[in-house]
Amino acid sequence: MQPVSKPIHVLVVEDFDILNEHFRTIVDSAEDMKLVGYAFSGKAACDMIERLKPDVVLMDIEMDFKHDGILAAKKAIQVHPDVRIIFLTVHEDDETVFSAFDSGAMDYVLKTAEEHEILDSIRMAYNGSSPIRPEIAYKIRNEFRRIRHNQESLLDSINILSQLTPTEMEIINLLLKNKKISEIAAERQVEISTIKSQINILLKKFNKSRTKEIVNLINEMGAVPFFRQVNNGNRSAR
């Protein structure tokens, strides 16, 4: 990549002295860049971004506290939307990666990356390019598949809920209250064998093997109040 006519102003933010110096040295080695400052915390980074107006910030994620850098990046971008943030980190877990990009950062580079990779990342960020690295693309594809699967499962569950009978709704409501089969039978004034038969039908409808799985699903959907409201209405109508 050809050097730009105006040097790229870079701010380095890293709380470990040796690494802070390491990244400053990398920036200083590039003819098309100028190190305008360095900091050791998210708070100091925000102050320096306000004062120095850097083009690109190399930001550590964990400094004073977990995700200190991510919080600092969000604050900085809100005030200075043109600043380009690149996160330097040792973490590759999905939560950290997605939190980093959700902050508005342009790139995410491991601290162990080669010098040329860090410099190229700075240049691409400065030019408004946000590359999708192979390891990040893999995480994004997995997250997309997970979200899509969850959406499909949610739609299936909503469809099942819409077809439940009043009796099945009442049984589920009692299951949500941790009632045992014998207790449900007593409350509904029917034989235990009848409740077992009705629960077997519910298990087939939800494609589950245990009632606990149905209870967990409804809790995950946040649908517990719906069952209580419906059952309260049923009792009032009696």
C-alpha atoms as a PDB file:
ATOM      1  CA  MET A   1       0.000   0.000   0.000  1.00  0.00           C
ATOM      2  CA  GLN A   2       1.380   3.445  -1.001  1.00  0.00           C
ATOM      3  CA  PRO A   3       2.190   5.866   1.845  1.00  0.00           C
ATOM      4  CA  VAL A   4      -0.375   8.611   2.313  1.00  0.00           C
ATOM      5  CA  SER A   5       0.684  12.250   1.872  1.00  0.00           C
ATOM      6  CA  LYS A   6      -0.504  13.188   5.364  1.00  0.00           C
ATOM      7  CA  PRO A   7       0.812  10.925   8.136  1.00  0.00           C
ATOM      8  CA  ILE A   8      -1.771   8.880   9.980  1.00  0.00           C
ATOM      9  CA  HIS A   9      -1.998  10.151  13.554  1.00  0.00           C
ATOM     10  CA  VAL A  10      -2.045   7.158  15.890  1.00  0.00           C
ATOM     11  CA  LEU A  11      -2.765   6.878  19.607  1.00  0.00           C
ATOM     12  CA  VAL A  12      -1.634   3.731  21.453  1.00  0.00           C
ATOM     13  CA  VAL A  13      -3.628   2.585  24.496  1.00  0.00           C
ATOM     14  CA  GLU A  14      -2.241  -0.407  26.416  1.00  0.00           C
ATOM     15  CA  ASP A  15      -1.859  -0.855  30.182  1.00  0.00           C
ATOM     16  CA  PHE A  16       1.167  -3.169  30.059  1.00  0.00           C
ATOM     17  CA  ASP A  17       4.308  -1.006  29.796  1.00  0.00           C
ATOM     18  CA  ILE A  18       6.336  -3.380  27.617  1.00  0.00           C
ATOM     19  CA  LEU A  19       3.487  -3.917  25.140  1.00  0.00           C
ATOM     20  CA  ASN A  20       2.666  -0.217  25.105  1.00  0.00           C
ATOM     21  CA  GLU A  21       6.269   0.499  24.121  1.00  0.00           C
ATOM     22  CA  HIS A  22       6.183  -2.371  21.590  1.00  0.00           C
ATOM     23  CA  PHE A  23       3.174  -0.952  19.743  1.00  0.00           C
ATOM     24  CA  ARG A  24       4.594   2.574  19.863  1.00  0.00           C
ATOM     25  CA  THR A  25       7.781   1.261  18.261  1.00  0.00           C
ATOM     26  CA  ILE A  26       5.776  -0.427  15.512  1.00  0.00           C
ATOM     27  CA  VAL A  27       3.934   2.815  14.748  1.00  0.00           C
ATOM     28  CA  ASP A  28       7.169   4.845  14.836  1.00  0.00           C
ATOM     29  CA  SER A  29       8.722   2.463  12.294  1.00  0.00           C
ATOM     30  CA  ALA A  30       6.138   3.382   9.633  1.00  0.00           C
ATOM     31  CA  GLU A  31       6.967   6.373   7.430  1.00  0.00           C
ATOM     32  CA  ASP A  32       3.301   7.083   6.779  1.00  0.00           C
ATOM     33  CA  MET A  33       2.351   7.246  10.469  1.00  0.00           C
ATOM     34  CA  LYS A  34       2.920   9.556  13.409  1.00  0.00           C
ATOM     35  CA  LEU A  35       2.589   8.534  17.048  1.00  0.00           C
ATOM     36  CA  VAL A  36       0.687  11.403  18.666  1.00  0.00           C
ATOM     37  CA  GLY A  37       0.426   9.927  22.147  1.00  0.00           C
ATOM     38  CA  TYR A  38      -0.093   6.899  24.349  1.00  0.00           C
ATOM     39  CA  ALA A  39      -2.225   5.995  27.355  1.00  0.00           C
ATOM     40  CA  PHE A  40      -2.635   3.193  29.886  1.00  0.00           C
ATOM     41  CA  SER A  41      -6.395   3.200  30.593  1.00  0.00           C
ATOM     42  CA  GLY A  42      -9.750   3.743  28.928  1.00  0.00           C
ATOM     43  CA  LYS A  43     -10.373   6.977  30.813  1.00  0.00           C
ATOM     44  CA  ALA A  44      -7.000   8.405  29.808  1.00  0.00           C
ATOM     45  CA  ALA A  45      -7.682   7.298  26.227  1.00  0.00           C
ATOM     46  CA  CYS A  46     -10.947   9.268  26.093  1.00  0.00           C
ATOM     47  CA  ASP A  47      -9.183  12.367  27.433  1.00  0.00           C
ATOM     48  CA  MET A  48      -6.389  12.070  24.877  1.00  0.00           C
ATOM     49  CA  ILE A  49      -8.751  11.421  21.981  1.00  0.00           C
ATOM     50  CA  GLU A  50     -10.568  14.618  22.936  1.00  0.00           C
ATOM     51  CA  ARG A  51      -7.327  16.580  23.129  1.00  0.00           C
ATOM     52  CA  LEU A  52      -5.193  15.058  20.346  1.00  0.00           C
ATOM     53  CA  LYS A  53      -7.870  14.103  17.763  1.00  0.00           C
ATOM     54  CA  PRO A  54      -5.992  10.999  16.475  1.00  0.00           C
ATOM     55  CA  ASP A  55      -7.027   9.346  13.216  1.00  0.00           C
ATOM     56  CA  VAL A  56      -6.602   5.805  14.555  1.00  0.00           C
ATOM     57  CA  VAL A  57      -6.469   4.384  18.080  1.00  0.00           C
ATOM     58  CA  LEU A  58      -4.856   1.050  18.935  1.00  0.00           C
ATOM     59  CA  MET A  59      -6.882   0.095  21.993  1.00  0.00           C
ATOM     60  CA  ASP A  60      -6.357  -2.714  24.493  1.00  0.00           C
ATOM     61  CA  ILE A  61      -9.651  -4.287  25.610  1.00  0.00           C
ATOM     62  CA  GLU A  62      -8.907  -5.098  29.270  1.00  0.00           C
ATOM     63  CA  MET A  63      -7.102  -2.441  31.296  1.00  0.00           C
ATOM     64  CA  ASP A  64      -8.471  -0.969  34.530  1.00  0.00           C
ATOM     65  CA  PHE A  65     -11.302  -3.499  34.329  1.00  0.00           C
ATOM     66  CA  LYS A  66     -12.795  -6.040  31.949  1.00  0.00           C
ATOM     67  CA  HIS A  67     -13.832  -4.469  28.636  1.00  0.00           C
ATOM     68  CA  ASP A  68     -12.447  -1.081  29.748  1.00  0.00           C
ATOM     69  CA  GLY A  69     -11.298  -0.489  26.180  1.00  0.00           C
ATOM     70  CA  ILE A  70     -14.692  -1.371  24.690  1.00  0.00           C
ATOM     71  CA  LEU A  71     -16.458   1.081  26.992  1.00  0.00           C
ATOM     72  CA  ALA A  72     -13.884   3.772  26.174  1.00  0.00           C
ATOM     73  CA  ALA A  73     -14.315   3.139  22.448  1.00  0.00           C
ATOM     74  CA  LYS A  74     -18.099   3.548  22.687  1.00  0.00           C
ATOM     75  CA  LYS A  75     -17.731   6.850  24.546  1.00  0.00           C
ATOM     76  CA  ALA A  76     -15.076   8.134  22.141  1.00  0.00           C
ATOM     77  CA  ILE A  77     -17.011   7.242  19.000  1.00  0.00           C
ATOM     78  CA  GLN A  78     -20.166   8.909  20.336  1.00  0.00           C
ATOM     79  CA  VAL A  79     -18.281  12.197  20.666  1.00  0.00           C
ATOM     80  CA  HIS A  80     -15.873  11.748  17.743  1.00  0.00           C
ATOM     81  CA  PRO A  81     -17.579   9.472  15.175  1.00  0.00           C
ATOM     82  CA  ASP A  82     -14.666   9.840  12.729  1.00  0.00           C
ATOM     83  CA  VAL A  83     -12.086   8.256  15.021  1.00  0.00           C
ATOM     84  CA  ARG A  84     -11.061   4.736  13.969  1.00  0.00           C
ATOM     85  CA  ILE A  85     -10.658   2.177  16.753  1.00  0.00           C
ATOM     86  CA  ILE A  86      -8.621  -0.998  16.377  1.00  0.00           C
ATOM     87  CA  PHE A  87      -8.678  -3.400  19.301  1.00  0.00           C
ATOM     88  CA  LEU A  88      -5.501  -5.216  20.263  1.00  0.00           C
ATOM     89  CA  THR A  89      -6.205  -8.179  22.490  1.00  0.00           C
ATOM     90  CA  VAL A  90      -5.214 -11.683  23.502  1.00  0.00           C
ATOM     91  CA  HIS A  91      -8.856 -12.820  23.531  1.00  0.00           C
ATOM     92  CA  GLU A  92     -10.588 -14.710  20.744  1.00  0.00           C
ATOM     93  CA  ASP A  93     -13.793 -15.753  22.516  1.00  0.00           C
ATOM     94  CA  ASP A  94     -17.021 -14.969  20.665  1.00  0.00           C
ATOM     95  CA  GLU A  95     -18.456 -12.658  23.335  1.00  0.00           C
ATOM     96  CA  THR A  96     -15.388 -10.415  23.330  1.00  0.00           C
ATOM     97  CA  VAL A  97     -15.181 -10.325  19.528  1.00  0.00           C
ATOM     98  CA  PHE A  98     -18.841  -9.346  19.074  1.00  0.00           C
ATOM     99  CA  SER A  99     -18.692  -6.811  21.922  1.00  0.00           C
ATOM    100  CA  ALA A 100     -15.646  -5.251  20.292  1.00  0.00           C
ATOM    101  CA  PHE A 101     -17.331  -4.790  16.930  1.00  0.00           C
ATOM    102  CA  ASP A 102     -20.580  -3.689  18.566  1.00  0.00           C
ATOM    103  CA  SER A 103     -18.690  -0.723  20.042  1.00  0.00           C
ATOM    104  CA  GLY A 104     -18.128   0.621  16.532  1.00  0.00           C
ATOM    105  CA  ALA A 105     -14.528  -0.529  16.172  1.00  0.00           C
ATOM    106  CA  MET A 106     -13.054  -0.958  12.710  1.00  0.00           C
ATOM    107  CA  ASP A 107     -10.845  -3.962  13.386  1.00  0.00           C
ATOM    108  CA  TYR A 108      -9.773  -6.558  15.931  1.00  0.00           C
ATOM    109  CA  VAL A 109      -6.176  -7.742  15.918  1.00  0.00           C
ATOM    110  CA  LEU A 110      -4.407 -10.144  18.257  1.00  0.00           C
ATOM    111  CA  LYS A 111      -1.475  -8.701  20.181  1.00  0.00           C
ATOM    112  CA  THR A 112       0.661 -11.525  18.827  1.00  0.00           C
ATOM    113  CA  ALA A 113      -0.010 -10.428  15.224  1.00  0.00           C
ATOM    114  CA  GLU A 114       2.922  -9.689  12.944  1.00  0.00           C
ATOM    115  CA  GLU A 115       4.092  -6.080  12.684  1.00  0.00           C
ATOM    116  CA  HIS A 116       2.965  -5.761   9.067  1.00  0.00           C
ATOM    117  CA  GLU A 117      -0.532  -6.998   9.991  1.00  0.00           C
ATOM    118  CA  ILE A 118      -0.913  -4.306  12.653  1.00  0.00           C
ATOM    119  CA  LEU A 119       0.362  -1.587  10.304  1.00  0.00           C
ATOM    120  CA  ASP A 120      -1.906  -2.746   7.472  1.00  0.00           C
ATOM    121  CA  SER A 121      -4.840  -2.718   9.880  1.00  0.00           C
ATOM    122  CA  ILE A 122      -4.077   0.906  10.782  1.00  0.00           C
ATOM    123  CA  ARG A 123      -3.891   1.909   7.117  1.00  0.00           C
ATOM    124  CA  MET A 124      -7.116   0.121   6.207  1.00  0.00           C
ATOM    125  CA  ALA A 125      -8.947   1.597   9.191  1.00  0.00           C
ATOM    126  CA  TYR A 126      -7.717   5.074   8.257  1.00  0.00           C
ATOM    127  CA  ASN A 127      -9.097   4.548   4.731  1.00  0.00           C
ATOM    128  CA  GLY A 128     -12.450   3.396   6.110  1.00  0.00           C
ATOM    129  CA  SER A 129     -11.953  -0.269   5.298  1.00  0.00           C
ATOM    130  CA  SER A 130     -13.106  -2.884   7.790  1.00  0.00           C
ATOM    131  CA  PRO A 131     -11.665  -6.293   6.802  1.00  0.00           C
ATOM    132  CA  ILE A 132     -13.320  -9.523   7.851  1.00  0.00           C
ATOM    133  CA  ARG A 133     -10.477 -11.779   8.868  1.00  0.00           C
ATOM    134  CA  PRO A 134     -10.926 -15.561   8.362  1.00  0.00           C
ATOM    135  CA  GLU A 135     -11.115 -16.260  12.110  1.00  0.00           C
ATOM    136  CA  ILE A 136     -13.707 -13.476  12.568  1.00  0.00           C
ATOM    137  CA  ALA A 137     -15.696 -14.595   9.515  1.00  0.00           C
ATOM    138  CA  TYR A 138     -15.870 -18.084  11.030  1.00  0.00           C
ATOM    139  CA  LYS A 139     -17.283 -16.673  14.283  1.00  0.00           C
ATOM    140  CA  ILE A 140     -19.809 -14.530  12.401  1.00  0.00           C
ATOM    141  CA  ARG A 141     -21.018 -17.499  10.350  1.00  0.00           C
ATOM    142  CA  ASN A 142     -21.457 -19.561  13.512  1.00  0.00           C
ATOM    143  CA  GLU A 143     -23.333 -16.736  15.224  1.00  0.00           C
ATOM    144  CA  PHE A 144     -25.591 -16.307  12.189  1.00  0.00           C
ATOM    145  CA  ARG A 145     -26.379 -20.029  12.187  1.00  0.00           C
ATOM    146  CA  ARG A 146     -27.084 -19.923  15.934  1.00  0.00           C
ATOM    147  CA  ILE A 147     -29.412 -16.924  15.610  1.00  0.00           C
ATOM    148  CA  ARG A 148     -31.206 -18.453  12.650  1.00  0.00           C
ATOM    149  CA  HIS A 149     -31.640 -21.759  14.469  1.00  0.00           C
ATOM    150  CA  ASN A 150     -32.971 -19.965  17.552  1.00  0.00           C
ATOM    151  CA  GLN A 151     -35.389 -17.949  15.437  1.00  0.00           C
ATOM    152  CA  GLU A 152     -36.694 -21.086  13.756  1.00  0.00           C
ATOM    153  CA  SER A 153     -37.026 -22.824  17.124  1.00  0.00           C
ATOM    154  CA  LEU A 154     -38.842 -19.796  18.544  1.00  0.00           C
ATOM    155  CA  LEU A 155     -41.307 -19.728  15.634  1.00  0.00           C
ATOM    156  CA  ASP A 156     -41.946 -23.455  16.054  1.00  0.00           C
ATOM    157  CA  SER A 157     -42.536 -22.987  19.782  1.00  0.00           C
ATOM    158  CA  ILE A 158     -44.912 -20.058  19.239  1.00  0.00           C
ATOM    159  CA  ASN A 159     -46.855 -22.162  16.754  1.00  0.00           C
ATOM    160  CA  ILE A 160     -47.129 -24.973  19.315  1.00  0.00           C
ATOM    161  CA  LEU A 161     -48.242 -22.577  22.059  1.00  0.00           C
ATOM    162  CA  SER A 162     -50.990 -21.174  19.842  1.00  0.00           C
ATOM    163  CA  GLN A 163     -52.462 -24.658  19.416  1.00  0.00           C
ATOM    164  CA  LEU A 164     -52.527 -25.708  23.087  1.00  0.00           C
ATOM    165  CA  THR A 165     -55.893 -26.567  24.595  1.00  0.00           C
ATOM    166  CA  PRO A 166     -57.078 -24.838  27.816  1.00  0.00           C
ATOM    167  CA  THR A 167     -56.420 -28.085  29.708  1.00  0.00           C
ATOM    168  CA  GLU A 168     -52.859 -28.281  28.376  1.00  0.00           C
ATOM    169  CA  MET A 169     -52.328 -24.634  29.302  1.00  0.00           C
ATOM    170  CA  GLU A 170     -53.398 -25.327  32.877  1.00  0.00           C
ATOM    171  CA  ILE A 171     -51.137 -28.373  33.136  1.00  0.00           C
ATOM    172  CA  ILE A 172     -48.155 -26.389  31.875  1.00  0.00           C
ATOM    173  CA  ASN A 173     -48.932 -23.617  34.337  1.00  0.00           C
ATOM    174  CA  LEU A 174     -48.836 -26.158  37.158  1.00  0.00           C
ATOM    175  CA  LEU A 175     -45.589 -27.604  35.804  1.00  0.00           C
ATOM    176  CA  LEU A 176     -44.138 -24.083  35.855  1.00  0.00           C
ATOM    177  CA  LYS A 177     -44.993 -24.028  39.580  1.00  0.00           C
ATOM    178  CA  ASN A 178     -42.931 -27.231  40.036  1.00  0.00           C
ATOM    179  CA  LYS A 179     -46.032 -29.322  40.763  1.00  0.00           C
ATOM    180  CA  LYS A 180     -45.629 -33.105  40.602  1.00  0.00           C
ATOM    181  CA  ILE A 181     -47.926 -35.302  38.542  1.00  0.00           C
ATOM    182  CA  SER A 182     -49.792 -36.459  41.656  1.00  0.00           C
ATOM    183  CA  GLU A 183     -50.283 -32.860  42.767  1.00  0.00           C
ATOM    184  CA  ILE A 184     -51.537 -31.828  39.319  1.00  0.00           C
ATOM    185  CA  ALA A 185     -54.000 -34.735  39.322  1.00  0.00           C
ATOM    186  CA  ALA A 186     -55.257 -33.755  42.772  1.00  0.00           C
ATOM    187  CA  GLU A 187     -55.644 -30.090  41.827  1.00  0.00           C
ATOM    188  CA  ARG A 188     -57.446 -30.945  38.611  1.00  0.00           C
ATOM    189  CA  GLN A 189     -59.473 -33.668  40.352  1.00  0.00           C
ATOM    190  CA  VAL A 190     -58.641 -36.359  37.791  1.00  0.00           C
ATOM    191  CA  GLU A 191     -56.810 -39.672  37.809  1.00  0.00           C
ATOM    192  CA  ILE A 192     -53.007 -39.684  37.706  1.00  0.00           C
ATOM    193  CA  SER A 193     -53.201 -41.856  34.587  1.00  0.00           C
ATOM    194  CA  THR A 194     -55.178 -39.079  32.859  1.00  0.00           C
ATOM    195  CA  ILE A 195     -52.508 -36.477  33.662  1.00  0.00           C
ATOM    196  CA  LYS A 196     -49.755 -38.838  32.484  1.00  0.00           C
ATOM    197  CA  SER A 197     -51.592 -39.302  29.186  1.00  0.00           C
ATOM    198  CA  GLN A 198     -52.040 -35.546  28.742  1.00  0.00           C
ATOM    199  CA  ILE A 199     -48.373 -34.914  29.565  1.00  0.00           C
ATOM    200  CA  ASN A 200     -47.307 -37.503  26.976  1.00  0.00           C
ATOM    201  CA  ILE A 201     -49.303 -35.580  24.372  1.00  0.00           C
ATOM    202  CA  LEU A 202     -47.561 -32.354  25.448  1.00  0.00           C
ATOM    203  CA  LEU A 203     -44.143 -33.987  25.157  1.00  0.00           C
ATOM    204  CA  LYS A 204     -44.955 -35.088  21.607  1.00  0.00           C
ATOM    205  CA  LYS A 205     -46.220 -31.627  20.670  1.00  0.00           C
ATOM    206  CA  PHE A 206     -43.035 -29.963  21.919  1.00  0.00           C
ATOM    207  CA  ASN A 207     -40.825 -32.824  20.721  1.00  0.00           C
ATOM    208  CA  LYS A 208     -39.321 -33.144  24.176  1.00  0.00           C
ATOM    209  CA  SER A 209     -38.553 -36.162  26.348  1.00  0.00           C
ATOM    210  CA  ARG A 210     -39.122 -34.564  29.773  1.00  0.00           C
ATOM    211  CA  THR A 211     -41.489 -31.980  31.201  1.00  0.00           C
ATOM    212  CA  LYS A 212     -38.470 -30.089  32.567  1.00  0.00           C
ATOM    213  CA  GLU A 213     -37.439 -29.359  28.977  1.00  0.00           C
ATOM    214  CA  ILE A 214     -40.837 -27.794  28.276  1.00  0.00           C
ATOM    215  CA  VAL A 215     -40.553 -25.698  31.439  1.00  0.00           C
ATOM    216  CA  ASN A 216     -37.031 -24.529  30.460  1.00  0.00           C
ATOM    217  CA  LEU A 217     -38.200 -23.632  26.953  1.00  0.00           C
ATOM    218  CA  ILE A 218     -41.108 -21.521  28.229  1.00  0.00           C
ATOM    219  CA  ASN A 219     -38.814 -19.774  30.723  1.00  0.00           C
ATOM    220  CA  GLU A 220     -36.310 -19.025  27.933  1.00  0.00           C
ATOM    221  CA  MET A 221     -39.113 -17.587  25.793  1.00  0.00           C
ATOM    222  CA  GLY A 222     -40.254 -15.386  28.663  1.00  0.00           C
ATOM    223  CA  ALA A 223     -43.764 -16.813  28.229  1.00  0.00           C
ATOM    224  CA  VAL A 224     -44.444 -17.654  31.895  1.00  0.00           C
ATOM    225  CA  PRO A 225     -46.703 -14.589  32.495  1.00  0.00           C
ATOM    226  CA  PHE A 226     -48.799 -15.613  29.483  1.00  0.00           C
ATOM    227  CA  PHE A 227     -49.668 -18.956  31.076  1.00  0.00           C
ATOM    228  CA  ARG A 228     -50.480 -17.380  34.412  1.00  0.00           C
ATOM    229  CA  GLN A 229     -52.669 -14.745  32.790  1.00  0.00           C
ATOM    230  CA  VAL A 230     -54.549 -17.290  30.696  1.00  0.00           C
ATOM    231  CA  ASN A 231     -55.097 -19.591  33.661  1.00  0.00           C
ATOM    232  CA  ASN A 232     -56.246 -16.741  35.878  1.00  0.00           C
ATOM    233  CA  GLY A 233     -58.784 -15.882  33.184  1.00  0.00           C
ATOM    234  CA  ASN A 234     -59.942 -19.471  33.002  1.00  0.00           C
ATOM    235  CA  ARG A 235     -60.512 -19.608  36.778  1.00  0.00           C
ATOM    236  CA  SER A 236     -62.410 -16.314  36.737  1.00  0.00           C
ATOM    237  CA  ALA A 237     -64.724 -17.621  34.041  1.00  0.00           C
ATOM    238  CA  ARG A 238     -65.649 -20.708  36.056  1.00  0.00           C
END
